[in-house]
Amino acid sequence: MQTITTKYFGPGNRRGARIRAAHTAGAHTVTLPWDHEYDAETNHRRAAVALAVKLGWDGEWIGGCLNARQNVYVLVSGAMIDGFRVDPPRVPAAPKGWDVVETSHD
């Protein structure tokens, strides 16, 4: 399974704001300047796509935010997925004889 982590770096004395995408092993990276025409999510995605193209990793990816400065993307198509599923807990039925009142929160 392939993963890419992106990280935002704020502007410094020598360089403007930028975003770095790295293969999780850290061996390959791409750094792009922050594009103020786009929101944070799009800047992260652009960097991840640039690294995936550089490495020849085509397919479907899913991603999400790790924290205020980092996102992670996982290649899901064409991969053996060792995943899991979490189902919501079941709400126990009301005890016999109890009235259940449904309310609306409009």
C-alpha atoms as a PDB file:
ATOM      1  CA  MET A   1       0.000   0.000   0.000  1.00  0.00           C
ATOM      2  CA  GLN A   2       1.340   3.428  -0.932  1.00  0.00           C
ATOM      3  CA  THR A   3       0.849   6.562   1.146  1.00  0.00           C
ATOM      4  CA  ILE A   4       1.785  10.212   0.743  1.00  0.00           C
ATOM      5  CA  THR A   5       1.982  12.753   3.557  1.00  0.00           C
ATOM      6  CA  THR A   6       1.809  16.469   2.810  1.00  0.00           C
ATOM      7  CA  LYS A   7       3.017  19.207   5.140  1.00  0.00           C
ATOM      8  CA  TYR A   8       2.645  22.985   5.101  1.00  0.00           C
ATOM      9  CA  PHE A   9       5.697  25.167   5.775  1.00  0.00           C
ATOM     10  CA  GLY A  10       5.093  28.850   6.477  1.00  0.00           C
ATOM     11  CA  PRO A  11       7.130  31.632   4.884  1.00  0.00           C
ATOM     12  CA  GLY A  12      10.648  32.245   6.156  1.00  0.00           C
ATOM     13  CA  ASN A  13      13.403  34.787   5.504  1.00  0.00           C
ATOM     14  CA  ARG A  14      14.523  33.072   2.288  1.00  0.00           C
ATOM     15  CA  ARG A  15      11.437  31.297   0.916  1.00  0.00           C
ATOM     16  CA  GLY A  16       7.724  31.873   0.771  1.00  0.00           C
ATOM     17  CA  ALA A  17       5.089  29.462   2.091  1.00  0.00           C
ATOM     18  CA  ARG A  18       5.273  26.014   0.545  1.00  0.00           C
ATOM     19  CA  ILE A  19       3.920  22.524   0.800  1.00  0.00           C
ATOM     20  CA  ARG A  20       5.941  19.313   0.724  1.00  0.00           C
ATOM     21  CA  ALA A  21       4.640  15.903  -0.275  1.00  0.00           C
ATOM     22  CA  ALA A  22       6.630  12.884   0.869  1.00  0.00           C
ATOM     23  CA  HIS A  23       6.352   9.148   0.324  1.00  0.00           C
ATOM     24  CA  THR A  24       5.767   7.741   3.784  1.00  0.00           C
ATOM     25  CA  ALA A  25       9.207   6.120   3.725  1.00  0.00           C
ATOM     26  CA  GLY A  26      10.551   9.631   3.115  1.00  0.00           C
ATOM     27  CA  ALA A  27      12.774   8.618   0.206  1.00  0.00           C
ATOM     28  CA  HIS A  28      10.956  10.760  -2.372  1.00  0.00           C
ATOM     29  CA  THR A  29       9.584  14.291  -1.972  1.00  0.00           C
ATOM     30  CA  VAL A  30       8.115  17.133  -4.014  1.00  0.00           C
ATOM     31  CA  THR A  31       7.905  20.714  -2.763  1.00  0.00           C
ATOM     32  CA  LEU A  32       5.540  23.232  -4.359  1.00  0.00           C
ATOM     33  CA  PRO A  33       5.107  26.919  -3.585  1.00  0.00           C
ATOM     34  CA  TRP A  34       1.872  27.704  -1.758  1.00  0.00           C
ATOM     35  CA  ASP A  35      -0.667  28.941  -4.313  1.00  0.00           C
ATOM     36  CA  HIS A  36      -2.859  31.581  -2.705  1.00  0.00           C
ATOM     37  CA  GLU A  37      -5.480  31.137  -5.424  1.00  0.00           C
ATOM     38  CA  TYR A  38      -6.399  27.804  -3.803  1.00  0.00           C
ATOM     39  CA  ASP A  39      -7.575  26.767  -0.354  1.00  0.00           C
ATOM     40  CA  ALA A  40      -5.475  24.609   1.964  1.00  0.00           C
ATOM     41  CA  GLU A  41      -7.114  21.337   0.935  1.00  0.00           C
ATOM     42  CA  THR A  42      -6.445  21.981  -2.747  1.00  0.00           C
ATOM     43  CA  ASN A  43      -2.805  22.969  -2.100  1.00  0.00           C
ATOM     44  CA  HIS A  44      -2.253  19.722  -0.190  1.00  0.00           C
ATOM     45  CA  ARG A  45      -3.945  17.689  -2.927  1.00  0.00           C
ATOM     46  CA  ARG A  46      -1.883  19.363  -5.681  1.00  0.00           C
ATOM     47  CA  ALA A  47       1.347  18.441  -3.905  1.00  0.00           C
ATOM     48  CA  ALA A  48       0.209  14.845  -3.376  1.00  0.00           C
ATOM     49  CA  VAL A  49      -0.776  14.529  -7.043  1.00  0.00           C
ATOM     50  CA  ALA A  50       2.604  15.945  -8.140  1.00  0.00           C
ATOM     51  CA  LEU A  51       4.452  13.296  -6.112  1.00  0.00           C
ATOM     52  CA  ALA A  52       2.156  10.481  -7.283  1.00  0.00           C
ATOM     53  CA  VAL A  53       2.772  11.495 -10.913  1.00  0.00           C
ATOM     54  CA  LYS A  54       6.545  11.703 -10.297  1.00  0.00           C
ATOM     55  CA  LEU A  55       6.526   8.169  -8.861  1.00  0.00           C
ATOM     56  CA  GLY A  56       4.119   6.743 -11.474  1.00  0.00           C
ATOM     57  CA  TRP A  57       1.495   5.837  -8.860  1.00  0.00           C
ATOM     58  CA  ASP A  58      -1.799   6.029 -10.724  1.00  0.00           C
ATOM     59  CA  GLY A  59      -5.154   5.062  -9.317  1.00  0.00           C
ATOM     60  CA  GLU A  60      -7.731   6.208  -6.814  1.00  0.00           C
ATOM     61  CA  TRP A  61      -6.605   7.919  -3.628  1.00  0.00           C
ATOM     62  CA  ILE A  62      -8.403   8.888  -0.444  1.00  0.00           C
ATOM     63  CA  GLY A  63      -7.101  11.489   1.949  1.00  0.00           C
ATOM     64  CA  GLY A  64      -7.733  13.438   5.059  1.00  0.00           C
ATOM     65  CA  CYS A  65      -6.309  15.888   7.531  1.00  0.00           C
ATOM     66  CA  LEU A  66      -3.849  14.692  10.189  1.00  0.00           C
ATOM     67  CA  ASN A  67      -3.538  18.072  11.929  1.00  0.00           C
ATOM     68  CA  ALA A  68      -3.518  21.774  11.087  1.00  0.00           C
ATOM     69  CA  ARG A  69      -0.429  21.420   8.863  1.00  0.00           C
ATOM     70  CA  GLN A  70      -0.526  17.861   7.505  1.00  0.00           C
ATOM     71  CA  ASN A  71      -2.678  15.632   5.320  1.00  0.00           C
ATOM     72  CA  VAL A  72      -2.283  11.979   4.386  1.00  0.00           C
ATOM     73  CA  TYR A  73      -3.354  10.227   1.181  1.00  0.00           C
ATOM     74  CA  VAL A  74      -3.666   6.468   0.631  1.00  0.00           C
ATOM     75  CA  LEU A  75      -3.724   4.674  -2.725  1.00  0.00           C
ATOM     76  CA  VAL A  76      -6.734   2.360  -2.599  1.00  0.00           C
ATOM     77  CA  SER A  77      -7.264   1.123  -6.162  1.00  0.00           C
ATOM     78  CA  GLY A  78      -5.364  -1.862  -7.386  1.00  0.00           C
ATOM     79  CA  ALA A  79      -3.961  -2.548  -3.939  1.00  0.00           C
ATOM     80  CA  MET A  80      -4.479  -5.392  -1.528  1.00  0.00           C
ATOM     81  CA  ILE A  81      -6.285  -3.578   1.234  1.00  0.00           C
ATOM     82  CA  ASP A  82      -5.774  -4.773   4.784  1.00  0.00           C
ATOM     83  CA  GLY A  83      -8.441  -2.627   6.347  1.00  0.00           C
ATOM     84  CA  PHE A  84     -11.169  -2.707   8.898  1.00  0.00           C
ATOM     85  CA  ARG A  85     -14.696  -1.477   9.388  1.00  0.00           C
ATOM     86  CA  VAL A  86     -16.234  -0.002  12.499  1.00  0.00           C
ATOM     87  CA  ASP A  87     -19.998  -0.224  12.788  1.00  0.00           C
ATOM     88  CA  PRO A  88     -21.893   2.172  15.059  1.00  0.00           C
ATOM     89  CA  PRO A  89     -22.986   0.684  18.361  1.00  0.00           C
ATOM     90  CA  ARG A  90     -26.507  -0.652  18.503  1.00  0.00           C
ATOM     91  CA  VAL A  91     -28.915   1.304  20.617  1.00  0.00           C
ATOM     92  CA  PRO A  92     -30.597  -1.115  23.008  1.00  0.00           C
ATOM     93  CA  ALA A  93     -34.353  -1.375  22.831  1.00  0.00           C
ATOM     94  CA  ALA A  94     -36.353   0.319  25.546  1.00  0.00           C
ATOM     95  CA  PRO A  95     -37.268  -2.017  28.416  1.00  0.00           C
ATOM     96  CA  LYS A  96     -40.728  -3.594  28.258  1.00  0.00           C
ATOM     97  CA  GLY A  97     -43.431  -1.234  29.401  1.00  0.00           C
ATOM     98  CA  TRP A  98     -41.460   1.955  28.747  1.00  0.00           C
ATOM     99  CA  ASP A  99     -42.889   4.470  26.318  1.00  0.00           C
ATOM    100  CA  VAL A 100     -40.549   5.728  23.620  1.00  0.00           C
ATOM    101  CA  VAL A 101     -41.196   9.337  22.607  1.00  0.00           C
ATOM    102  CA  GLU A 102     -39.668  10.610  19.403  1.00  0.00           C
ATOM    103  CA  THR A 103     -38.815  14.308  19.326  1.00  0.00           C
ATOM    104  CA  SER A 104     -37.944  16.615  16.470  1.00  0.00           C
ATOM    105  CA  HIS A 105     -35.160  19.189  16.684  1.00  0.00           C
ATOM    106  CA  ASP A 106     -36.326  21.551  13.934  1.00  0.00           C
END
